[in-house]
Amino acid sequence: MADVKSELREYLEAFGIAVVMAFIIITFIAQSFYVQGASMEPALYNGERLLVDKVTYRFRAPRRGEIVIFRYPSDTRRKFIKRVIGLPGDRIEISRHKLYINGEPLDEPYIKGPTYGDFGPIVVPEGTIFVLGDNRNNSDDSRFSDVGPVPLKLIVGRALVRYWPLNKIGTVKVPEELSAL
């Protein structure tokens, strides 16, 4: 009988340690994210699952081109996923279907179709980033007042790895056109 109690105690201790470790990992290191909607097509599709890195932005600011998960400014219980386009001090403008960063047109082969509607110019305020969906005509992003430039404090993390569907497993890439800026 003592052996059964001892064995049960060992299992409960192991289970308790696993629960604590899972809590620490999900809270501070990484978490899963389920892509909802078409705003990031063709980079990410509805129903895909990602691993979100929650550590990197504790040590450095987001970089242009990275895909970030952030709390929706109008309702912080909701999380959105978008691509970082503008950094603090950048001048962002969309004119005649073309995105301009600091007056320079950006070639964007990664987006889904031409961008309709003009926007800006706007200078990205300090402490914020300017985000856009890759499917510009189907994205609620920094162009609209309910999102606007996203405060850094609302960023959950960066999309690191796609793990579902299995045939698309891999790291989430930053387009060369953006990483060079």
N, C-alpha and C. Protein backbone atom coordinates (compact mmCIF):
# COMPACT_ATOMS: atom_id res chain seq x y z
N MET A 1 0.82 -1.20 0.00
CA MET A 1 0.00 0.00 0.00
C MET A 1 0.86 1.26 0.00
N ALA A 2 1.96 1.22 0.75
CA ALA A 2 2.86 2.38 0.81
C ALA A 2 3.48 2.64 -0.55
N ASP A 3 3.76 1.56 -1.31
CA ASP A 3 4.33 1.72 -2.64
C ASP A 3 3.35 2.42 -3.58
N VAL A 4 2.08 2.09 -3.46
CA VAL A 4 1.05 2.71 -4.31
C VAL A 4 0.95 4.20 -3.99
N LYS A 5 0.94 4.55 -2.71
CA LYS A 5 0.88 5.96 -2.31
C LYS A 5 2.12 6.71 -2.79
N SER A 6 3.27 6.09 -2.65
CA SER A 6 4.52 6.72 -3.08
C SER A 6 4.52 6.94 -4.59
N GLU A 7 4.04 5.94 -5.32
CA GLU A 7 3.99 6.05 -6.78
C GLU A 7 2.98 7.13 -7.20
N LEU A 8 1.84 7.17 -6.53
CA LEU A 8 0.82 8.19 -6.83
C LEU A 8 1.37 9.58 -6.53
N ARG A 9 2.07 9.73 -5.42
CA ARG A 9 2.67 11.01 -5.07
C ARG A 9 3.67 11.44 -6.16
N GLU A 10 4.48 10.53 -6.66
CA GLU A 10 5.44 10.84 -7.72
C GLU A 10 4.72 11.32 -8.98
N TYR A 11 3.65 10.64 -9.37
CA TYR A 11 2.88 11.05 -10.55
C TYR A 11 2.27 12.44 -10.36
N LEU A 12 1.73 12.69 -9.17
CA LEU A 12 1.12 14.00 -8.91
C LEU A 12 2.18 15.10 -8.91
N GLU A 13 3.35 14.83 -8.35
CA GLU A 13 4.43 15.82 -8.39
C GLU A 13 4.86 16.11 -9.82
N ALA A 14 5.01 15.06 -10.62
CA ALA A 14 5.40 15.23 -12.03
C ALA A 14 4.33 16.02 -12.78
N PHE A 15 3.07 15.71 -12.52
CA PHE A 15 1.97 16.43 -13.17
C PHE A 15 1.99 17.90 -12.75
N GLY A 16 2.18 18.16 -11.47
CA GLY A 16 2.23 19.54 -10.97
C GLY A 16 3.37 20.33 -11.60
N ILE A 17 4.53 19.70 -11.71
CA ILE A 17 5.68 20.36 -12.35
C ILE A 17 5.36 20.65 -13.81
N ALA A 18 4.73 19.70 -14.50
CA ALA A 18 4.37 19.90 -15.91
C ALA A 18 3.40 21.06 -16.07
N VAL A 19 2.44 21.17 -15.18
CA VAL A 19 1.47 22.28 -15.25
C VAL A 19 2.17 23.62 -15.03
N VAL A 20 3.04 23.69 -14.04
CA VAL A 20 3.78 24.93 -13.77
C VAL A 20 4.66 25.30 -14.96
N MET A 21 5.36 24.32 -15.53
CA MET A 21 6.22 24.58 -16.70
C MET A 21 5.39 25.06 -17.89
N ALA A 22 4.24 24.43 -18.12
CA ALA A 22 3.38 24.85 -19.23
C ALA A 22 2.91 26.29 -19.01
N PHE A 23 2.55 26.63 -17.79
CA PHE A 23 2.12 28.00 -17.48
C PHE A 23 3.24 29.00 -17.77
N ILE A 24 4.45 28.68 -17.34
CA ILE A 24 5.59 29.57 -17.56
C ILE A 24 5.86 29.74 -19.05
N ILE A 25 5.85 28.64 -19.79
CA ILE A 25 6.11 28.71 -21.23
C ILE A 25 5.05 29.55 -21.93
N ILE A 26 3.78 29.28 -21.67
CA ILE A 26 2.70 30.00 -22.35
C ILE A 26 2.68 31.48 -21.95
N THR A 27 2.98 31.79 -20.71
CA THR A 27 2.94 33.16 -20.24
C THR A 27 4.12 33.99 -20.71
N PHE A 28 5.31 33.41 -20.71
CA PHE A 28 6.51 34.20 -20.94
C PHE A 28 7.32 33.86 -22.19
N ILE A 29 7.19 32.68 -22.74
CA ILE A 29 8.11 32.24 -23.79
C ILE A 29 7.46 32.10 -25.16
N ALA A 30 6.42 31.31 -25.26
CA ALA A 30 5.80 31.05 -26.56
C ALA A 30 4.35 30.64 -26.36
N GLN A 31 3.56 30.81 -27.42
CA GLN A 31 2.19 30.34 -27.38
C GLN A 31 1.73 30.05 -28.79
N SER A 32 0.65 29.32 -28.88
CA SER A 32 0.06 28.99 -30.16
C SER A 32 -0.87 30.12 -30.60
N PHE A 33 -0.98 30.31 -31.90
CA PHE A 33 -1.90 31.32 -32.44
C PHE A 33 -2.62 30.71 -33.63
N TYR A 34 -3.94 30.87 -33.66
CA TYR A 34 -4.79 30.36 -34.73
C TYR A 34 -5.14 31.52 -35.67
N VAL A 35 -4.76 31.41 -36.94
CA VAL A 35 -5.03 32.46 -37.92
C VAL A 35 -6.51 32.43 -38.28
N GLN A 36 -7.18 33.57 -38.08
CA GLN A 36 -8.59 33.70 -38.42
C GLN A 36 -8.75 34.76 -39.48
N GLY A 37 -9.35 34.40 -40.59
CA GLY A 37 -9.62 35.36 -41.65
C GLY A 37 -8.56 35.35 -42.73
N ALA A 38 -8.78 36.21 -43.73
CA ALA A 38 -7.95 36.23 -44.94
C ALA A 38 -7.02 37.43 -45.01
N SER A 39 -6.88 38.21 -43.95
CA SER A 39 -6.13 39.47 -44.04
C SER A 39 -4.64 39.31 -44.30
N MET A 40 -4.08 38.13 -44.03
CA MET A 40 -2.64 37.94 -44.24
C MET A 40 -2.32 37.06 -45.45
N GLU A 41 -3.34 36.75 -46.26
CA GLU A 41 -3.08 35.98 -47.49
C GLU A 41 -2.25 36.83 -48.44
N PRO A 42 -1.34 36.26 -49.17
CA PRO A 42 -1.03 34.84 -49.33
C PRO A 42 0.02 34.29 -48.36
N ALA A 43 0.53 35.08 -47.43
CA ALA A 43 1.56 34.58 -46.50
C ALA A 43 0.97 33.55 -45.53
N LEU A 44 -0.19 33.86 -44.98
CA LEU A 44 -0.85 32.99 -44.00
C LEU A 44 -2.32 32.88 -44.35
N TYR A 45 -2.87 31.69 -44.19
CA TYR A 45 -4.26 31.44 -44.55
C TYR A 45 -5.10 31.10 -43.32
N ASN A 46 -6.40 31.36 -43.46
CA ASN A 46 -7.36 31.04 -42.42
C ASN A 46 -7.19 29.58 -41.97
N GLY A 47 -7.16 29.36 -40.67
CA GLY A 47 -7.06 28.02 -40.13
C GLY A 47 -5.65 27.54 -39.86
N GLU A 48 -4.65 28.27 -40.32
CA GLU A 48 -3.28 27.85 -40.04
C GLU A 48 -2.95 28.14 -38.58
N ARG A 49 -1.99 27.38 -38.07
CA ARG A 49 -1.57 27.55 -36.67
C ARG A 49 -0.09 27.91 -36.63
N LEU A 50 0.20 28.85 -35.73
CA LEU A 50 1.56 29.38 -35.62
C LEU A 50 2.07 29.27 -34.19
N LEU A 51 3.39 29.21 -34.07
CA LEU A 51 4.04 29.34 -32.78
C LEU A 51 4.51 30.78 -32.68
N VAL A 52 4.12 31.45 -31.61
CA VAL A 52 4.44 32.87 -31.41
C VAL A 52 5.57 32.99 -30.40
N ASP A 53 6.62 33.68 -30.80
CA ASP A 53 7.78 33.97 -29.95
C ASP A 53 7.45 35.19 -29.09
N LYS A 54 7.38 35.00 -27.77
CA LYS A 54 7.05 36.09 -26.86
C LYS A 54 8.28 36.67 -26.16
N VAL A 55 9.47 36.19 -26.52
CA VAL A 55 10.70 36.60 -25.83
C VAL A 55 11.43 37.72 -26.57
N THR A 56 11.57 37.60 -27.88
CA THR A 56 12.42 38.50 -28.68
C THR A 56 12.16 39.97 -28.41
N TYR A 57 10.90 40.38 -28.36
CA TYR A 57 10.59 41.81 -28.22
C TYR A 57 10.81 42.33 -26.81
N ARG A 58 11.22 41.48 -25.90
CA ARG A 58 11.66 41.96 -24.58
C ARG A 58 13.07 42.54 -24.69
N PHE A 59 13.79 42.15 -25.76
CA PHE A 59 15.19 42.55 -25.92
C PHE A 59 15.43 43.49 -27.09
N ARG A 60 14.50 43.53 -28.04
CA ARG A 60 14.63 44.43 -29.18
C ARG A 60 13.25 44.79 -29.71
N ALA A 61 13.20 45.88 -30.46
CA ALA A 61 11.95 46.34 -31.06
C ALA A 61 11.61 45.49 -32.29
N PRO A 62 10.34 45.46 -32.67
CA PRO A 62 9.97 44.77 -33.91
C PRO A 62 10.70 45.39 -35.10
N ARG A 63 10.96 44.55 -36.09
CA ARG A 63 11.63 45.00 -37.32
C ARG A 63 10.64 45.00 -38.47
N ARG A 64 10.90 45.89 -39.41
CA ARG A 64 10.05 45.99 -40.59
C ARG A 64 10.00 44.64 -41.31
N GLY A 65 8.80 44.23 -41.66
CA GLY A 65 8.60 42.97 -42.38
C GLY A 65 8.20 41.81 -41.50
N GLU A 66 8.47 41.89 -40.21
CA GLU A 66 8.09 40.80 -39.32
C GLU A 66 6.57 40.77 -39.17
N ILE A 67 6.05 39.58 -38.97
CA ILE A 67 4.62 39.41 -38.73
C ILE A 67 4.42 39.34 -37.23
N VAL A 68 3.58 40.24 -36.71
CA VAL A 68 3.38 40.33 -35.26
C VAL A 68 1.94 40.02 -34.88
N ILE A 69 1.80 39.52 -33.67
CA ILE A 69 0.49 39.33 -33.07
C ILE A 69 0.37 40.41 -32.02
N PHE A 70 -0.77 41.12 -32.03
CA PHE A 70 -0.96 42.20 -31.07
C PHE A 70 -2.39 42.22 -30.57
N ARG A 71 -2.56 42.84 -29.44
CA ARG A 71 -3.91 43.00 -28.87
C ARG A 71 -4.59 44.15 -29.60
N TYR A 72 -5.80 43.90 -30.04
CA TYR A 72 -6.59 44.89 -30.78
C TYR A 72 -6.82 46.10 -29.88
N PRO A 73 -6.40 47.29 -30.30
CA PRO A 73 -6.49 48.47 -29.43
C PRO A 73 -7.90 48.77 -28.92
N SER A 74 -8.93 48.50 -29.71
CA SER A 74 -10.31 48.81 -29.30
C SER A 74 -10.90 47.75 -28.37
N ASP A 75 -10.30 46.56 -28.32
CA ASP A 75 -10.77 45.48 -27.46
C ASP A 75 -9.59 44.55 -27.20
N THR A 76 -8.85 44.79 -26.14
CA THR A 76 -7.58 44.08 -25.91
C THR A 76 -7.74 42.59 -25.62
N ARG A 77 -8.97 42.11 -25.52
CA ARG A 77 -9.17 40.66 -25.39
C ARG A 77 -8.95 39.96 -26.73
N ARG A 78 -9.10 40.69 -27.82
CA ARG A 78 -8.91 40.13 -29.17
C ARG A 78 -7.46 40.30 -29.61
N LYS A 79 -6.99 39.36 -30.43
CA LYS A 79 -5.63 39.44 -30.96
C LYS A 79 -5.69 39.46 -32.48
N PHE A 80 -4.86 40.31 -33.08
CA PHE A 80 -4.75 40.44 -34.53
C PHE A 80 -3.35 40.03 -34.96
N ILE A 81 -3.23 39.72 -36.24
CA ILE A 81 -1.92 39.38 -36.82
C ILE A 81 -1.74 40.21 -38.08
N LYS A 82 -0.62 40.92 -38.17
CA LYS A 82 -0.32 41.79 -39.32
C LYS A 82 1.19 41.87 -39.51
N ARG A 83 1.58 42.49 -40.64
CA ARG A 83 2.99 42.68 -40.95
C ARG A 83 3.43 44.09 -40.55
N VAL A 84 4.61 44.20 -39.93
CA VAL A 84 5.17 45.50 -39.56
C VAL A 84 5.66 46.18 -40.84
N ILE A 85 5.13 47.37 -41.10
CA ILE A 85 5.51 48.15 -42.28
C ILE A 85 6.29 49.39 -41.87
N GLY A 86 5.80 50.09 -40.84
CA GLY A 86 6.43 51.33 -40.43
C GLY A 86 6.92 51.29 -39.00
N LEU A 87 8.07 51.91 -38.79
CA LEU A 87 8.68 52.02 -37.46
C LEU A 87 8.57 53.46 -36.99
N PRO A 88 8.78 53.73 -35.70
CA PRO A 88 8.67 55.11 -35.20
C PRO A 88 9.49 56.09 -36.05
N GLY A 89 8.84 57.18 -36.45
CA GLY A 89 9.49 58.21 -37.26
C GLY A 89 9.35 58.01 -38.76
N ASP A 90 8.94 56.82 -39.20
CA ASP A 90 8.75 56.57 -40.64
C ASP A 90 7.54 57.35 -41.16
N ARG A 91 7.64 57.79 -42.40
CA ARG A 91 6.53 58.46 -43.09
C ARG A 91 5.91 57.42 -44.03
N ILE A 92 4.65 57.09 -43.80
CA ILE A 92 3.95 56.05 -44.56
C ILE A 92 2.87 56.69 -45.41
N GLU A 93 2.80 56.24 -46.66
CA GLU A 93 1.77 56.74 -47.57
C GLU A 93 1.43 55.65 -48.57
N ILE A 94 0.14 55.58 -48.92
CA ILE A 94 -0.30 54.71 -50.01
C ILE A 94 -0.95 55.63 -51.03
N SER A 95 -0.42 55.59 -52.25
CA SER A 95 -0.92 56.46 -53.31
C SER A 95 -0.89 55.70 -54.64
N ARG A 96 -2.00 55.72 -55.34
CA ARG A 96 -2.10 55.06 -56.66
C ARG A 96 -1.65 53.60 -56.58
N HIS A 97 -2.18 52.87 -55.62
CA HIS A 97 -1.93 51.43 -55.44
C HIS A 97 -0.51 51.10 -54.98
N LYS A 98 0.26 52.07 -54.55
CA LYS A 98 1.66 51.86 -54.21
C LYS A 98 1.93 52.33 -52.77
N LEU A 99 2.72 51.54 -52.03
CA LEU A 99 3.12 51.89 -50.67
C LEU A 99 4.44 52.64 -50.73
N TYR A 100 4.51 53.75 -50.00
CA TYR A 100 5.74 54.54 -49.90
C TYR A 100 6.18 54.59 -48.44
N ILE A 101 7.45 54.32 -48.22
CA ILE A 101 8.04 54.45 -46.89
C ILE A 101 9.12 55.51 -46.99
N ASN A 102 8.93 56.59 -46.24
CA ASN A 102 9.87 57.73 -46.27
C ASN A 102 10.09 58.24 -47.69
N GLY A 103 8.99 58.29 -48.46
CA GLY A 103 9.02 58.83 -49.81
C GLY A 103 9.49 57.86 -50.88
N GLU A 104 9.95 56.68 -50.50
CA GLU A 104 10.45 55.69 -51.46
C GLU A 104 9.38 54.64 -51.74
N PRO A 105 9.07 54.38 -53.03
CA PRO A 105 8.10 53.33 -53.34
C PRO A 105 8.66 51.95 -52.98
N LEU A 106 7.79 51.09 -52.51
CA LEU A 106 8.21 49.75 -52.10
C LEU A 106 7.62 48.72 -53.05
N ASP A 107 8.45 47.88 -53.62
CA ASP A 107 7.99 46.76 -54.43
C ASP A 107 7.49 45.69 -53.46
N GLU A 108 6.25 45.25 -53.64
CA GLU A 108 5.66 44.30 -52.69
C GLU A 108 5.10 43.07 -53.41
N PRO A 109 5.94 42.18 -53.86
CA PRO A 109 5.43 40.99 -54.55
C PRO A 109 4.71 40.02 -53.61
N TYR A 110 4.83 40.20 -52.31
CA TYR A 110 4.23 39.30 -51.33
C TYR A 110 2.77 39.63 -51.03
N ILE A 111 2.24 40.77 -51.50
CA ILE A 111 0.85 41.12 -51.17
C ILE A 111 -0.11 40.51 -52.17
N LYS A 112 -1.39 40.43 -51.77
CA LYS A 112 -2.43 39.85 -52.60
C LYS A 112 -3.12 40.97 -53.36
N GLY A 113 -2.76 41.16 -54.61
CA GLY A 113 -3.41 42.14 -55.47
C GLY A 113 -3.03 43.57 -55.16
N PRO A 114 -3.48 44.50 -56.00
CA PRO A 114 -3.17 45.92 -55.78
C PRO A 114 -3.93 46.47 -54.57
N THR A 115 -3.38 47.50 -53.96
CA THR A 115 -4.03 48.15 -52.82
C THR A 115 -4.92 49.27 -53.33
N TYR A 116 -6.21 49.18 -53.02
CA TYR A 116 -7.16 50.21 -53.45
C TYR A 116 -7.32 51.27 -52.37
N GLY A 117 -7.44 52.50 -52.79
CA GLY A 117 -7.62 53.60 -51.85
C GLY A 117 -6.30 54.19 -51.42
N ASP A 118 -6.27 55.50 -51.35
CA ASP A 118 -5.07 56.21 -50.90
C ASP A 118 -5.11 56.36 -49.38
N PHE A 119 -3.93 56.54 -48.79
CA PHE A 119 -3.82 56.71 -47.35
C PHE A 119 -2.63 57.61 -47.05
N GLY A 120 -2.81 58.47 -46.06
CA GLY A 120 -1.69 59.26 -45.56
C GLY A 120 -1.37 60.46 -46.41
N PRO A 121 -0.20 60.99 -46.19
CA PRO A 121 0.90 60.44 -45.40
C PRO A 121 0.68 60.60 -43.89
N ILE A 122 1.33 59.70 -43.15
CA ILE A 122 1.33 59.72 -41.69
C ILE A 122 2.75 59.45 -41.22
N VAL A 123 3.15 60.10 -40.15
CA VAL A 123 4.44 59.80 -39.51
C VAL A 123 4.12 58.90 -38.31
N VAL A 124 4.77 57.75 -38.26
CA VAL A 124 4.52 56.78 -37.19
C VAL A 124 5.03 57.36 -35.87
N PRO A 125 4.13 57.51 -34.88
CA PRO A 125 4.53 58.09 -33.59
C PRO A 125 5.53 57.20 -32.83
N GLU A 126 6.31 57.83 -31.97
CA GLU A 126 7.22 57.09 -31.09
C GLU A 126 6.40 56.11 -30.25
N GLY A 127 6.98 54.97 -29.96
CA GLY A 127 6.32 53.97 -29.12
C GLY A 127 5.26 53.16 -29.83
N THR A 128 5.19 53.29 -31.18
CA THR A 128 4.19 52.54 -31.95
C THR A 128 4.84 51.96 -33.21
N ILE A 129 4.10 51.05 -33.85
CA ILE A 129 4.47 50.55 -35.17
C ILE A 129 3.26 50.65 -36.08
N PHE A 130 3.50 50.69 -37.38
CA PHE A 130 2.44 50.75 -38.38
C PHE A 130 2.36 49.38 -39.02
N VAL A 131 1.18 48.75 -38.96
CA VAL A 131 1.01 47.39 -39.47
C VAL A 131 -0.02 47.36 -40.60
N LEU A 132 0.20 46.46 -41.55
CA LEU A 132 -0.74 46.23 -42.64
C LEU A 132 -0.90 44.73 -42.85
N GLY A 133 -2.09 44.33 -43.31
CA GLY A 133 -2.28 42.96 -43.74
C GLY A 133 -1.75 42.80 -45.15
N ASP A 134 -1.28 41.61 -45.51
CA ASP A 134 -0.79 41.37 -46.87
C ASP A 134 -1.94 41.38 -47.88
N ASN A 135 -3.13 41.07 -47.44
CA ASN A 135 -4.33 41.14 -48.28
C ASN A 135 -4.97 42.50 -48.00
N ARG A 136 -4.36 43.54 -48.53
CA ARG A 136 -4.67 44.92 -48.16
C ARG A 136 -6.15 45.30 -48.30
N ASN A 137 -6.83 44.71 -49.26
CA ASN A 137 -8.22 45.08 -49.49
C ASN A 137 -9.18 44.30 -48.60
N ASN A 138 -8.64 43.46 -47.73
CA ASN A 138 -9.46 42.69 -46.79
C ASN A 138 -8.75 42.66 -45.43
N SER A 139 -8.34 43.83 -44.96
CA SER A 139 -7.57 43.88 -43.73
C SER A 139 -7.92 45.11 -42.90
N ASP A 140 -8.22 44.88 -41.64
CA ASP A 140 -8.43 45.96 -40.68
C ASP A 140 -7.07 46.20 -40.02
N ASP A 141 -6.41 47.28 -40.38
CA ASP A 141 -5.03 47.49 -39.95
C ASP A 141 -4.78 48.95 -39.59
N SER A 142 -3.53 49.38 -39.56
CA SER A 142 -3.17 50.72 -39.09
C SER A 142 -3.73 51.85 -39.93
N ARG A 143 -4.27 51.57 -41.10
CA ARG A 143 -4.89 52.61 -41.92
C ARG A 143 -6.20 53.10 -41.31
N PHE A 144 -6.78 52.32 -40.44
CA PHE A 144 -8.11 52.61 -39.91
C PHE A 144 -8.04 53.02 -38.44
N SER A 145 -8.93 53.92 -38.05
CA SER A 145 -8.86 54.52 -36.72
C SER A 145 -9.08 53.52 -35.58
N ASP A 146 -9.79 52.41 -35.82
CA ASP A 146 -10.00 51.46 -34.74
C ASP A 146 -8.73 50.68 -34.40
N VAL A 147 -7.75 50.68 -35.30
CA VAL A 147 -6.45 50.05 -35.04
C VAL A 147 -5.39 51.14 -34.90
N GLY A 148 -5.18 51.91 -35.97
CA GLY A 148 -4.18 52.97 -35.96
C GLY A 148 -2.78 52.43 -35.74
N PRO A 149 -1.80 53.30 -35.53
CA PRO A 149 -0.47 52.83 -35.17
C PRO A 149 -0.57 52.04 -33.85
N VAL A 150 0.03 50.87 -33.81
CA VAL A 150 -0.13 49.96 -32.67
C VAL A 150 0.92 50.26 -31.60
N PRO A 151 0.48 50.56 -30.37
CA PRO A 151 1.44 50.77 -29.28
C PRO A 151 2.27 49.51 -29.02
N LEU A 152 3.56 49.69 -28.82
CA LEU A 152 4.45 48.55 -28.58
C LEU A 152 3.99 47.70 -27.40
N LYS A 153 3.36 48.32 -26.42
CA LYS A 153 2.92 47.58 -25.24
C LYS A 153 1.80 46.58 -25.55
N LEU A 154 1.15 46.72 -26.73
CA LEU A 154 0.08 45.79 -27.10
C LEU A 154 0.59 44.60 -27.92
N ILE A 155 1.87 44.57 -28.23
CA ILE A 155 2.40 43.47 -29.03
C ILE A 155 2.61 42.24 -28.15
N VAL A 156 2.04 41.12 -28.59
CA VAL A 156 2.17 39.85 -27.88
C VAL A 156 3.47 39.16 -28.26
N GLY A 157 3.80 39.17 -29.55
CA GLY A 157 5.02 38.52 -30.01
C GLY A 157 5.07 38.47 -31.52
N ARG A 158 6.05 37.73 -32.03
CA ARG A 158 6.19 37.62 -33.49
C ARG A 158 5.90 36.20 -33.94
N ALA A 159 5.31 36.10 -35.12
CA ALA A 159 5.05 34.79 -35.71
C ALA A 159 6.39 34.16 -36.05
N LEU A 160 6.65 33.00 -35.53
CA LEU A 160 7.95 32.36 -35.70
C LEU A 160 7.88 31.14 -36.61
N VAL A 161 6.96 30.24 -36.32
CA VAL A 161 6.86 28.97 -37.06
C VAL A 161 5.40 28.66 -37.35
N ARG A 162 5.14 28.22 -38.59
CA ARG A 162 3.82 27.67 -38.93
C ARG A 162 3.94 26.16 -38.70
N TYR A 163 3.04 25.61 -37.86
CA TYR A 163 3.10 24.17 -37.60
C TYR A 163 1.86 23.43 -38.08
N TRP A 164 0.89 24.16 -38.61
CA TRP A 164 -0.30 23.52 -39.19
C TRP A 164 -0.80 24.35 -40.34
N PRO A 165 -1.09 23.76 -41.46
CA PRO A 165 -1.13 22.33 -41.76
C PRO A 165 0.28 21.74 -41.89
N LEU A 166 0.35 20.44 -41.72
CA LEU A 166 1.64 19.76 -41.70
C LEU A 166 2.43 19.94 -42.99
N ASN A 167 1.75 20.05 -44.12
CA ASN A 167 2.47 20.20 -45.39
C ASN A 167 3.05 21.60 -45.57
N LYS A 168 2.79 22.51 -44.62
CA LYS A 168 3.33 23.88 -44.70
C LYS A 168 4.21 24.23 -43.50
N ILE A 169 4.66 23.24 -42.77
CA ILE A 169 5.51 23.49 -41.60
C ILE A 169 6.76 24.25 -42.03
N GLY A 170 7.10 25.28 -41.26
CA GLY A 170 8.31 26.03 -41.55
C GLY A 170 8.31 27.37 -40.85
N THR A 171 9.44 28.06 -40.94
CA THR A 171 9.54 29.38 -40.32
C THR A 171 8.75 30.41 -41.12
N VAL A 172 8.30 31.44 -40.45
CA VAL A 172 7.59 32.55 -41.09
C VAL A 172 8.65 33.54 -41.54
N LYS A 173 8.72 33.76 -42.84
CA LYS A 173 9.81 34.55 -43.43
C LYS A 173 9.47 36.04 -43.52
N VAL A 174 10.52 36.86 -43.52
CA VAL A 174 10.42 38.30 -43.76
C VAL A 174 10.81 38.52 -45.22
N PRO A 175 9.94 39.16 -46.03
CA PRO A 175 10.29 39.40 -47.43
C PRO A 175 11.57 40.23 -47.56
N GLU A 176 12.40 39.86 -48.52
CA GLU A 176 13.67 40.57 -48.74
C GLU A 176 13.45 42.06 -48.98
N GLU A 177 12.35 42.39 -49.66
CA GLU A 177 12.06 43.80 -49.98
C GLU A 177 11.94 44.64 -48.71
N LEU A 178 11.46 44.03 -47.63
CA LEU A 178 11.29 44.76 -46.37
C LEU A 178 12.50 44.65 -45.46
N SER A 179 13.15 43.51 -45.46
CA SER A 179 14.29 43.35 -44.56
C SER A 179 15.47 44.22 -44.99
N ALA A 180 15.49 44.62 -46.26
CA ALA A 180 16.59 45.45 -46.76
C ALA A 180 16.45 46.91 -46.36
N LEU A 181 15.25 47.32 -45.92
CA LEU A 181 15.02 48.73 -45.56
C LEU A 181 15.52 49.06 -44.16
